[in-house]
N, C-alpha and C. Protein backbone atom coordinates (compact mmCIF):
# COMPACT_ATOMS: atom_id res chain seq x y z
N MET A 1 37.04 -48.99 -53.28
CA MET A 1 38.23 -48.71 -54.06
C MET A 1 39.27 -47.99 -53.20
N LEU A 2 40.45 -48.52 -53.22
CA LEU A 2 41.55 -47.92 -52.46
C LEU A 2 42.16 -46.78 -53.27
N GLU A 3 42.39 -45.66 -52.61
CA GLU A 3 43.15 -44.59 -53.25
C GLU A 3 44.58 -45.09 -53.41
N PRO A 4 45.23 -44.84 -54.56
CA PRO A 4 46.61 -45.31 -54.73
C PRO A 4 47.53 -44.77 -53.63
N VAL A 5 48.44 -45.64 -53.18
CA VAL A 5 49.39 -45.30 -52.12
C VAL A 5 50.79 -45.47 -52.71
N GLU A 6 51.58 -44.40 -52.67
CA GLU A 6 52.94 -44.47 -53.19
C GLU A 6 53.89 -44.98 -52.11
N LEU A 7 54.68 -45.99 -52.47
CA LEU A 7 55.69 -46.55 -51.59
C LEU A 7 57.04 -45.99 -52.00
N ASP A 8 58.09 -46.43 -51.33
CA ASP A 8 59.44 -46.00 -51.69
C ASP A 8 59.78 -46.38 -53.12
N GLY A 9 60.56 -45.54 -53.77
CA GLY A 9 61.04 -45.83 -55.11
C GLY A 9 60.02 -45.68 -56.20
N GLY A 10 58.91 -45.01 -55.93
CA GLY A 10 57.90 -44.78 -56.96
C GLY A 10 56.94 -45.93 -57.17
N VAL A 11 57.06 -47.00 -56.41
CA VAL A 11 56.11 -48.11 -56.50
C VAL A 11 54.79 -47.66 -55.89
N VAL A 12 53.70 -48.02 -56.55
CA VAL A 12 52.37 -47.64 -56.10
C VAL A 12 51.55 -48.89 -55.81
N VAL A 13 50.81 -48.87 -54.71
CA VAL A 13 49.82 -49.90 -54.42
C VAL A 13 48.48 -49.31 -54.79
N ARG A 14 47.74 -50.04 -55.62
CA ARG A 14 46.42 -49.58 -56.04
C ARG A 14 45.48 -50.76 -56.18
N SER A 15 44.22 -50.47 -56.32
CA SER A 15 43.23 -51.51 -56.54
C SER A 15 43.43 -52.15 -57.91
N LEU A 16 43.17 -53.45 -57.99
CA LEU A 16 43.15 -54.14 -59.26
C LEU A 16 42.11 -53.46 -60.15
N ALA A 17 42.40 -53.35 -61.44
CA ALA A 17 41.49 -52.66 -62.36
C ALA A 17 41.27 -53.49 -63.62
N ALA A 18 40.12 -53.27 -64.24
CA ALA A 18 39.87 -53.86 -65.55
C ALA A 18 41.01 -53.43 -66.47
N GLY A 19 41.49 -54.33 -67.28
CA GLY A 19 42.61 -54.02 -68.15
C GLY A 19 43.96 -54.45 -67.59
N ASP A 20 44.00 -54.93 -66.34
CA ASP A 20 45.25 -55.38 -65.73
C ASP A 20 45.67 -56.78 -66.17
N GLY A 21 44.83 -57.48 -66.91
CA GLY A 21 45.13 -58.86 -67.30
C GLY A 21 46.47 -59.04 -68.00
N PRO A 22 46.78 -58.27 -69.05
CA PRO A 22 48.06 -58.45 -69.72
C PRO A 22 49.27 -58.21 -68.80
N ALA A 23 49.21 -57.19 -67.97
CA ALA A 23 50.33 -56.91 -67.06
C ALA A 23 50.46 -58.00 -66.00
N LEU A 24 49.34 -58.56 -65.54
CA LEU A 24 49.40 -59.66 -64.58
C LEU A 24 49.99 -60.91 -65.22
N ALA A 25 49.56 -61.22 -66.44
CA ALA A 25 50.12 -62.38 -67.14
C ALA A 25 51.63 -62.23 -67.29
N ALA A 26 52.07 -61.05 -67.66
CA ALA A 26 53.51 -60.80 -67.82
C ALA A 26 54.24 -60.96 -66.49
N ALA A 27 53.63 -60.47 -65.41
CA ALA A 27 54.26 -60.56 -64.09
C ALA A 27 54.37 -62.01 -63.64
N TYR A 28 53.31 -62.78 -63.82
CA TYR A 28 53.37 -64.19 -63.42
C TYR A 28 54.35 -64.97 -64.29
N LEU A 29 54.41 -64.68 -65.56
CA LEU A 29 55.37 -65.36 -66.44
C LEU A 29 56.80 -65.01 -66.03
N ARG A 30 57.05 -63.74 -65.78
CA ARG A 30 58.38 -63.27 -65.38
C ARG A 30 58.82 -63.89 -64.05
N ASN A 31 57.86 -64.19 -63.18
CA ASN A 31 58.14 -64.70 -61.85
C ASN A 31 57.80 -66.18 -61.68
N ARG A 32 57.66 -66.86 -62.78
CA ARG A 32 57.22 -68.27 -62.75
C ARG A 32 58.11 -69.12 -61.83
N ALA A 33 59.40 -69.08 -62.01
CA ALA A 33 60.31 -69.88 -61.18
C ALA A 33 60.35 -69.36 -59.75
N HIS A 34 60.32 -68.06 -59.58
CA HIS A 34 60.38 -67.44 -58.26
C HIS A 34 59.19 -67.84 -57.39
N LEU A 35 57.99 -67.90 -57.98
CA LEU A 35 56.78 -68.18 -57.23
C LEU A 35 56.48 -69.67 -57.10
N ALA A 36 57.06 -70.50 -57.95
CA ALA A 36 56.73 -71.93 -57.99
C ALA A 36 56.82 -72.63 -56.63
N PRO A 37 57.83 -72.37 -55.81
CA PRO A 37 57.89 -73.07 -54.52
C PRO A 37 56.80 -72.65 -53.52
N TRP A 38 56.12 -71.54 -53.79
CA TRP A 38 55.18 -70.97 -52.82
C TRP A 38 53.73 -71.04 -53.26
N GLU A 39 53.46 -71.54 -54.45
CA GLU A 39 52.11 -71.53 -55.01
C GLU A 39 51.70 -72.91 -55.49
N PRO A 40 50.40 -73.07 -55.79
CA PRO A 40 49.96 -74.33 -56.41
C PRO A 40 50.67 -74.53 -57.76
N GLU A 41 50.75 -75.77 -58.20
CA GLU A 41 51.30 -76.01 -59.53
C GLU A 41 50.41 -75.31 -60.55
N ARG A 42 51.04 -74.73 -61.55
CA ARG A 42 50.31 -73.97 -62.58
C ARG A 42 50.40 -74.68 -63.92
N THR A 43 49.29 -74.70 -64.65
CA THR A 43 49.29 -75.22 -66.01
C THR A 43 49.80 -74.14 -66.95
N GLU A 44 50.13 -74.52 -68.16
CA GLU A 44 50.59 -73.53 -69.15
C GLU A 44 49.54 -72.46 -69.40
N SER A 45 48.27 -72.83 -69.36
CA SER A 45 47.21 -71.85 -69.64
C SER A 45 47.16 -70.74 -68.59
N PHE A 46 47.66 -71.02 -67.37
CA PHE A 46 47.66 -69.99 -66.32
C PHE A 46 48.45 -68.76 -66.74
N PHE A 47 49.48 -68.93 -67.55
CA PHE A 47 50.38 -67.84 -67.90
C PHE A 47 49.92 -67.07 -69.14
N LYS A 48 48.76 -67.40 -69.67
CA LYS A 48 48.24 -66.73 -70.86
C LYS A 48 47.48 -65.45 -70.48
N VAL A 49 47.55 -64.48 -71.35
CA VAL A 49 46.86 -63.20 -71.13
C VAL A 49 45.36 -63.41 -70.96
N ALA A 50 44.76 -64.24 -71.79
CA ALA A 50 43.31 -64.46 -71.72
C ALA A 50 42.89 -64.99 -70.34
N THR A 51 43.71 -65.85 -69.75
CA THR A 51 43.41 -66.38 -68.41
C THR A 51 43.35 -65.25 -67.40
N HIS A 52 44.29 -64.34 -67.45
CA HIS A 52 44.32 -63.25 -66.48
C HIS A 52 43.27 -62.19 -66.77
N GLU A 53 42.93 -62.01 -68.02
CA GLU A 53 41.83 -61.09 -68.33
C GLU A 53 40.53 -61.61 -67.72
N ARG A 54 40.28 -62.92 -67.83
CA ARG A 54 39.08 -63.52 -67.22
C ARG A 54 39.16 -63.44 -65.70
N GLU A 55 40.33 -63.72 -65.14
CA GLU A 55 40.48 -63.70 -63.69
C GLU A 55 40.27 -62.30 -63.12
N VAL A 56 40.76 -61.28 -63.81
CA VAL A 56 40.55 -59.91 -63.35
C VAL A 56 39.05 -59.61 -63.30
N LEU A 57 38.32 -59.97 -64.34
CA LEU A 57 36.87 -59.72 -64.35
C LEU A 57 36.17 -60.49 -63.24
N ALA A 58 36.57 -61.74 -63.01
CA ALA A 58 35.97 -62.54 -61.94
C ALA A 58 36.30 -61.93 -60.57
N THR A 59 37.51 -61.46 -60.41
CA THR A 59 37.91 -60.84 -59.14
C THR A 59 37.15 -59.54 -58.91
N LEU A 60 36.98 -58.75 -59.96
CA LEU A 60 36.22 -57.50 -59.81
C LEU A 60 34.76 -57.78 -59.47
N ALA A 61 34.21 -58.91 -59.94
CA ALA A 61 32.85 -59.31 -59.55
C ALA A 61 32.82 -59.63 -58.05
N ARG A 62 33.90 -60.24 -57.52
CA ARG A 62 33.98 -60.51 -56.09
C ARG A 62 34.08 -59.20 -55.30
N VAL A 63 34.77 -58.20 -55.86
CA VAL A 63 34.80 -56.88 -55.22
C VAL A 63 33.39 -56.33 -55.11
N ASP A 64 32.64 -56.40 -56.22
CA ASP A 64 31.26 -55.90 -56.22
C ASP A 64 30.39 -56.65 -55.22
N ALA A 65 30.69 -57.94 -55.01
CA ALA A 65 29.94 -58.75 -54.05
C ALA A 65 30.41 -58.52 -52.61
N GLY A 66 31.49 -57.78 -52.44
CA GLY A 66 32.01 -57.49 -51.11
C GLY A 66 32.84 -58.59 -50.50
N THR A 67 33.35 -59.52 -51.32
CA THR A 67 34.11 -60.65 -50.78
C THR A 67 35.59 -60.59 -51.10
N ALA A 68 36.07 -59.50 -51.70
CA ALA A 68 37.49 -59.39 -52.03
C ALA A 68 37.92 -57.93 -52.08
N ILE A 69 39.18 -57.72 -51.72
CA ILE A 69 39.85 -56.43 -51.89
C ILE A 69 41.20 -56.75 -52.54
N PRO A 70 41.26 -56.76 -53.88
CA PRO A 70 42.49 -57.10 -54.58
C PRO A 70 43.33 -55.86 -54.88
N LEU A 71 44.61 -55.94 -54.54
CA LEU A 71 45.52 -54.83 -54.76
C LEU A 71 46.70 -55.30 -55.61
N VAL A 72 47.27 -54.38 -56.36
CA VAL A 72 48.48 -54.67 -57.12
C VAL A 72 49.53 -53.63 -56.79
N LEU A 73 50.78 -54.04 -56.88
CA LEU A 73 51.91 -53.12 -56.77
C LEU A 73 52.39 -52.86 -58.18
N VAL A 74 52.53 -51.59 -58.54
CA VAL A 74 52.95 -51.25 -59.89
C VAL A 74 54.17 -50.34 -59.84
N ASP A 75 55.04 -50.55 -60.79
CA ASP A 75 56.23 -49.72 -60.99
C ASP A 75 56.15 -49.26 -62.44
N GLY A 76 55.72 -48.03 -62.64
CA GLY A 76 55.43 -47.56 -64.00
C GLY A 76 54.21 -48.29 -64.53
N ASP A 77 54.36 -48.96 -65.68
CA ASP A 77 53.27 -49.72 -66.27
C ASP A 77 53.34 -51.20 -65.90
N GLU A 78 54.30 -51.58 -65.08
CA GLU A 78 54.56 -52.98 -64.80
C GLU A 78 54.00 -53.38 -63.43
N ILE A 79 53.24 -54.46 -63.39
CA ILE A 79 52.80 -55.01 -62.10
C ILE A 79 53.97 -55.80 -61.53
N ILE A 80 54.32 -55.49 -60.27
CA ILE A 80 55.46 -56.16 -59.63
C ILE A 80 55.04 -56.88 -58.34
N GLY A 81 53.75 -57.03 -58.12
CA GLY A 81 53.30 -57.77 -56.96
C GLY A 81 51.82 -57.64 -56.75
N ARG A 82 51.34 -58.46 -55.82
CA ARG A 82 49.92 -58.44 -55.46
C ARG A 82 49.79 -58.55 -53.95
N VAL A 83 48.73 -57.97 -53.44
CA VAL A 83 48.31 -58.13 -52.05
C VAL A 83 46.80 -58.26 -52.11
N ASN A 84 46.30 -59.37 -51.61
CA ASN A 84 44.87 -59.64 -51.73
C ASN A 84 44.23 -59.94 -50.39
N LEU A 85 43.10 -59.34 -50.16
CA LEU A 85 42.21 -59.75 -49.08
C LEU A 85 41.08 -60.51 -49.78
N SER A 86 40.95 -61.78 -49.45
CA SER A 86 39.96 -62.61 -50.14
C SER A 86 39.11 -63.37 -49.13
N ASP A 87 38.11 -64.04 -49.65
CA ASP A 87 37.21 -64.84 -48.81
C ASP A 87 36.66 -64.03 -47.65
N ILE A 88 36.30 -62.78 -47.93
CA ILE A 88 35.74 -61.92 -46.88
C ILE A 88 34.39 -62.48 -46.44
N VAL A 89 34.27 -62.66 -45.12
CA VAL A 89 33.03 -63.15 -44.53
C VAL A 89 32.53 -62.06 -43.58
N ARG A 90 31.28 -61.71 -43.73
CA ARG A 90 30.68 -60.67 -42.88
C ARG A 90 29.95 -61.32 -41.71
N GLY A 91 28.93 -60.69 -41.20
CA GLY A 91 28.19 -61.23 -40.08
C GLY A 91 29.02 -61.21 -38.82
N ALA A 92 28.94 -62.28 -38.04
CA ALA A 92 29.65 -62.34 -36.77
C ALA A 92 31.15 -62.50 -36.93
N PHE A 93 31.63 -62.89 -38.13
CA PHE A 93 33.04 -63.20 -38.33
C PHE A 93 33.85 -61.96 -38.73
N GLN A 94 33.43 -61.22 -39.75
CA GLN A 94 34.13 -60.02 -40.24
C GLN A 94 35.61 -60.31 -40.46
N ASN A 95 35.90 -61.29 -41.30
CA ASN A 95 37.24 -61.83 -41.49
C ASN A 95 37.61 -61.87 -42.96
N ALA A 96 38.90 -61.79 -43.23
CA ALA A 96 39.43 -61.97 -44.59
C ALA A 96 40.72 -62.76 -44.51
N HIS A 97 41.06 -63.40 -45.63
CA HIS A 97 42.36 -64.06 -45.79
C HIS A 97 43.28 -63.11 -46.55
N LEU A 98 44.53 -63.08 -46.16
CA LEU A 98 45.54 -62.23 -46.79
C LEU A 98 46.52 -63.09 -47.56
N GLY A 99 46.86 -62.65 -48.76
CA GLY A 99 47.91 -63.29 -49.55
C GLY A 99 48.70 -62.21 -50.27
N TYR A 100 49.97 -62.49 -50.57
CA TYR A 100 50.80 -61.49 -51.24
C TYR A 100 52.01 -62.14 -51.89
N TRP A 101 52.56 -61.44 -52.88
CA TRP A 101 53.85 -61.82 -53.47
C TRP A 101 54.47 -60.58 -54.10
N ILE A 102 55.80 -60.64 -54.24
CA ILE A 102 56.57 -59.54 -54.82
C ILE A 102 57.46 -60.11 -55.92
N ASP A 103 57.58 -59.39 -57.01
CA ASP A 103 58.45 -59.73 -58.13
C ASP A 103 59.86 -60.02 -57.63
N HIS A 104 60.48 -61.04 -58.19
CA HIS A 104 61.82 -61.46 -57.75
C HIS A 104 62.85 -60.34 -57.84
N ARG A 105 62.65 -59.36 -58.73
CA ARG A 105 63.61 -58.27 -58.87
C ARG A 105 63.44 -57.20 -57.80
N HIS A 106 62.39 -57.31 -57.00
CA HIS A 106 62.07 -56.27 -56.02
C HIS A 106 62.02 -56.78 -54.58
N THR A 107 62.41 -58.03 -54.34
CA THR A 107 62.38 -58.55 -52.97
C THR A 107 63.49 -57.89 -52.15
N GLY A 108 63.31 -57.93 -50.85
CA GLY A 108 64.32 -57.39 -49.95
C GLY A 108 64.30 -55.88 -49.79
N ARG A 109 63.29 -55.23 -50.36
CA ARG A 109 63.19 -53.76 -50.27
C ARG A 109 62.13 -53.30 -49.28
N GLY A 110 61.45 -54.23 -48.62
CA GLY A 110 60.39 -53.87 -47.69
C GLY A 110 59.05 -53.63 -48.33
N LEU A 111 58.93 -53.90 -49.62
CA LEU A 111 57.66 -53.65 -50.32
C LEU A 111 56.53 -54.52 -49.81
N ALA A 112 56.82 -55.80 -49.56
CA ALA A 112 55.77 -56.69 -49.06
C ALA A 112 55.28 -56.23 -47.69
N THR A 113 56.21 -55.82 -46.84
CA THR A 113 55.83 -55.33 -45.51
C THR A 113 54.96 -54.09 -45.60
N THR A 114 55.37 -53.13 -46.41
CA THR A 114 54.60 -51.89 -46.53
C THR A 114 53.26 -52.13 -47.19
N ALA A 115 53.24 -52.94 -48.25
CA ALA A 115 51.98 -53.23 -48.96
C ALA A 115 51.02 -54.01 -48.07
N THR A 116 51.54 -54.88 -47.22
CA THR A 116 50.68 -55.59 -46.27
C THR A 116 50.06 -54.60 -45.30
N GLY A 117 50.82 -53.61 -44.89
CA GLY A 117 50.26 -52.55 -44.04
C GLY A 117 49.13 -51.79 -44.74
N VAL A 118 49.29 -51.55 -46.04
CA VAL A 118 48.22 -50.92 -46.82
C VAL A 118 46.97 -51.80 -46.81
N ALA A 119 47.17 -53.12 -46.97
CA ALA A 119 46.04 -54.04 -46.97
C ALA A 119 45.34 -54.06 -45.61
N VAL A 120 46.11 -54.00 -44.53
CA VAL A 120 45.50 -53.94 -43.19
C VAL A 120 44.67 -52.67 -43.06
N HIS A 121 45.19 -51.56 -43.56
CA HIS A 121 44.42 -50.30 -43.55
C HIS A 121 43.12 -50.46 -44.36
N ALA A 122 43.21 -51.12 -45.52
CA ALA A 122 42.01 -51.35 -46.35
C ALA A 122 41.01 -52.23 -45.61
N ALA A 123 41.51 -53.22 -44.86
CA ALA A 123 40.62 -54.08 -44.08
C ALA A 123 39.90 -53.28 -43.01
N ARG A 124 40.63 -52.39 -42.36
CA ARG A 124 40.04 -51.52 -41.34
C ARG A 124 38.96 -50.63 -41.97
N ALA A 125 39.29 -50.03 -43.11
CA ALA A 125 38.33 -49.15 -43.80
C ALA A 125 37.09 -49.92 -44.23
N ALA A 126 37.24 -51.21 -44.51
CA ALA A 126 36.10 -52.05 -44.92
C ALA A 126 35.30 -52.56 -43.73
N GLY A 127 35.72 -52.20 -42.52
CA GLY A 127 34.99 -52.61 -41.33
C GLY A 127 35.27 -54.03 -40.87
N LEU A 128 36.38 -54.61 -41.32
CA LEU A 128 36.70 -55.97 -40.90
C LEU A 128 37.27 -55.98 -39.48
N HIS A 129 37.06 -57.06 -38.80
CA HIS A 129 37.54 -57.25 -37.43
C HIS A 129 38.87 -57.99 -37.41
N ARG A 130 39.09 -58.87 -38.40
CA ARG A 130 40.21 -59.80 -38.33
C ARG A 130 40.70 -60.12 -39.73
N VAL A 131 42.02 -60.29 -39.85
CA VAL A 131 42.64 -60.77 -41.09
C VAL A 131 43.53 -61.93 -40.70
N GLN A 132 43.48 -62.98 -41.49
CA GLN A 132 44.34 -64.13 -41.22
C GLN A 132 45.16 -64.48 -42.45
N ALA A 133 46.29 -65.14 -42.21
CA ALA A 133 47.19 -65.53 -43.30
C ALA A 133 47.89 -66.81 -42.90
N GLY A 134 48.30 -67.57 -43.89
CA GLY A 134 49.08 -68.77 -43.65
C GLY A 134 50.35 -68.73 -44.48
N THR A 135 51.45 -69.23 -43.90
CA THR A 135 52.70 -69.31 -44.64
C THR A 135 53.24 -70.73 -44.53
N LEU A 136 53.98 -71.14 -45.53
CA LEU A 136 54.68 -72.41 -45.41
C LEU A 136 55.58 -72.34 -44.18
N VAL A 137 55.76 -73.46 -43.52
CA VAL A 137 56.53 -73.50 -42.28
C VAL A 137 57.94 -72.93 -42.47
N HIS A 138 58.54 -73.16 -43.61
CA HIS A 138 59.92 -72.72 -43.85
C HIS A 138 60.03 -71.34 -44.50
N ASN A 139 58.91 -70.63 -44.65
CA ASN A 139 58.93 -69.31 -45.30
C ASN A 139 59.14 -68.20 -44.26
N ALA A 140 60.36 -68.12 -43.77
CA ALA A 140 60.70 -67.14 -42.73
C ALA A 140 60.50 -65.70 -43.20
N ALA A 141 60.78 -65.41 -44.46
CA ALA A 141 60.63 -64.04 -44.96
C ALA A 141 59.16 -63.60 -44.90
N SER A 142 58.26 -64.47 -45.31
CA SER A 142 56.84 -64.13 -45.27
C SER A 142 56.34 -64.00 -43.83
N GLN A 143 56.83 -64.86 -42.95
CA GLN A 143 56.45 -64.76 -41.55
C GLN A 143 56.92 -63.43 -40.95
N ALA A 144 58.11 -62.97 -41.36
CA ALA A 144 58.62 -61.69 -40.87
C ALA A 144 57.74 -60.53 -41.35
N VAL A 145 57.27 -60.60 -42.60
CA VAL A 145 56.36 -59.57 -43.13
C VAL A 145 55.12 -59.46 -42.24
N LEU A 146 54.55 -60.60 -41.91
CA LEU A 146 53.34 -60.61 -41.09
C LEU A 146 53.63 -60.09 -39.68
N GLU A 147 54.70 -60.57 -39.07
CA GLU A 147 55.02 -60.13 -37.71
C GLU A 147 55.30 -58.64 -37.64
N ARG A 148 55.97 -58.08 -38.67
CA ARG A 148 56.22 -56.63 -38.69
C ARG A 148 54.93 -55.83 -38.82
N ASN A 149 53.85 -56.49 -39.26
CA ASN A 149 52.55 -55.83 -39.39
C ASN A 149 51.59 -56.18 -38.26
N GLY A 150 52.13 -56.69 -37.17
CA GLY A 150 51.31 -56.94 -35.99
C GLY A 150 50.52 -58.24 -36.00
N PHE A 151 50.80 -59.13 -36.95
CA PHE A 151 50.14 -60.43 -36.97
C PHE A 151 50.79 -61.33 -35.93
N GLU A 152 49.99 -62.18 -35.33
CA GLU A 152 50.48 -63.13 -34.33
C GLU A 152 50.20 -64.55 -34.79
N ARG A 153 51.13 -65.44 -34.50
CA ARG A 153 50.94 -66.86 -34.80
C ARG A 153 49.83 -67.40 -33.91
N PHE A 154 48.95 -68.22 -34.50
CA PHE A 154 47.93 -68.82 -33.65
C PHE A 154 47.76 -70.31 -33.90
N GLY A 155 48.54 -70.87 -34.81
CA GLY A 155 48.40 -72.30 -34.99
C GLY A 155 49.23 -72.85 -36.13
N LEU A 156 49.14 -74.16 -36.27
CA LEU A 156 49.79 -74.87 -37.35
C LEU A 156 48.73 -75.73 -38.02
N ALA A 157 48.57 -75.56 -39.31
CA ALA A 157 47.60 -76.35 -40.07
C ALA A 157 48.36 -77.41 -40.85
N HIS A 158 48.10 -78.67 -40.50
CA HIS A 158 48.78 -79.77 -41.17
C HIS A 158 48.20 -80.01 -42.56
N ARG A 159 49.12 -80.19 -43.52
CA ARG A 159 48.74 -80.44 -44.92
C ARG A 159 47.61 -79.49 -45.35
N TYR A 160 47.82 -78.23 -45.13
CA TYR A 160 46.79 -77.19 -45.30
C TYR A 160 46.49 -76.89 -46.76
N LEU A 161 47.53 -76.70 -47.57
CA LEU A 161 47.34 -76.38 -48.98
C LEU A 161 48.28 -77.24 -49.83
N ARG A 162 47.83 -77.49 -51.06
CA ARG A 162 48.67 -78.23 -52.01
C ARG A 162 49.53 -77.20 -52.75
N ILE A 163 50.76 -77.07 -52.30
CA ILE A 163 51.71 -76.09 -52.82
C ILE A 163 52.86 -76.84 -53.47
N ALA A 164 53.27 -76.38 -54.64
CA ALA A 164 54.39 -76.97 -55.37
C ALA A 164 54.21 -78.49 -55.53
N GLY A 165 52.96 -78.90 -55.70
CA GLY A 165 52.67 -80.29 -56.01
C GLY A 165 52.49 -81.22 -54.84
N ARG A 166 52.55 -80.70 -53.61
CA ARG A 166 52.33 -81.59 -52.47
C ARG A 166 51.64 -80.83 -51.33
N TRP A 167 50.90 -81.59 -50.51
CA TRP A 167 50.23 -81.00 -49.36
C TRP A 167 51.27 -80.58 -48.34
N GLN A 168 51.20 -79.31 -47.93
CA GLN A 168 52.23 -78.79 -47.03
C GLN A 168 51.60 -78.11 -45.81
N ASP A 169 52.30 -78.25 -44.68
CA ASP A 169 51.88 -77.60 -43.45
C ASP A 169 52.07 -76.08 -43.57
N HIS A 170 51.21 -75.34 -42.87
CA HIS A 170 51.29 -73.88 -42.84
C HIS A 170 51.19 -73.37 -41.42
N VAL A 171 52.00 -72.35 -41.12
CA VAL A 171 51.87 -71.62 -39.87
C VAL A 171 50.77 -70.58 -40.10
N LEU A 172 49.83 -70.50 -39.17
CA LEU A 172 48.69 -69.59 -39.29
C LEU A 172 48.92 -68.34 -38.44
N PHE A 173 48.56 -67.20 -39.02
CA PHE A 173 48.71 -65.90 -38.36
C PHE A 173 47.37 -65.17 -38.39
N GLU A 174 47.18 -64.28 -37.42
CA GLU A 174 45.98 -63.44 -37.39
C GLU A 174 46.35 -62.04 -36.92
N ARG A 175 45.53 -61.11 -37.36
CA ARG A 175 45.66 -59.73 -36.89
C ARG A 175 44.26 -59.26 -36.56
N ILE A 176 44.05 -58.90 -35.31
CA ILE A 176 42.79 -58.29 -34.90
C ILE A 176 42.92 -56.82 -35.22
N ILE A 177 42.07 -56.33 -36.08
CA ILE A 177 42.23 -54.99 -36.66
C ILE A 177 42.13 -53.89 -35.60
N GLU A 178 41.27 -54.07 -34.60
CA GLU A 178 41.10 -53.03 -33.60
C GLU A 178 42.30 -52.89 -32.67
N ASP A 179 43.15 -53.92 -32.60
CA ASP A 179 44.33 -53.88 -31.70
C ASP A 179 45.41 -52.98 -32.23
C-alpha cells in the first residue's frame, strides 16, 4: 500500500481502495470523449457503477497476488486520474507495465508527470527492476511524460493494441529502476 502523496493544488495520489467504484465510473463517464482516442472501444456497460465496483475488487485481488499496483489521483472526493503498474512479473524479469490518464479538466498541469514519478517510486519500493510503457505513435504528450521520468525509447511495436477500434502502432519505453 502506497502512503498518499500530495501533489500541487491539493491533488493526492493514493492506492486504489474498495469503495472507489462509483467515483471511477463517474470519472470514466466524465472523460469518455477525452479518453476515447487513447483507449480500447468501450461498451455502455463499461460506464456503469457496478462494472467499476467489480473491477476494483478484481484489481485489489491482483494487488494481493502481487501482480498490480493501482493508484488513483483524487481531488477532494473526485477521482481525476489513474496510474497503474500492472502485469507485474517476478523471477528473473522483475517487470511491470505502466499506464496512466488524467481528467480532461486537469491536463497540462504536470499531474501525469508527477504521478508517474510516484509510480516509479512505488515500483522501486516493490523491488522491481524495470517498468515499461507504450504510447500511440502520435501521442507526444504521453511520450513527454515518460521522458521527463527517465524512460527511454526502445522500440516500435506494430499493430500493438486495438485502440479506438483499430490496431495501432505503439512506441515502447522502458525505465531501469536502478538507473
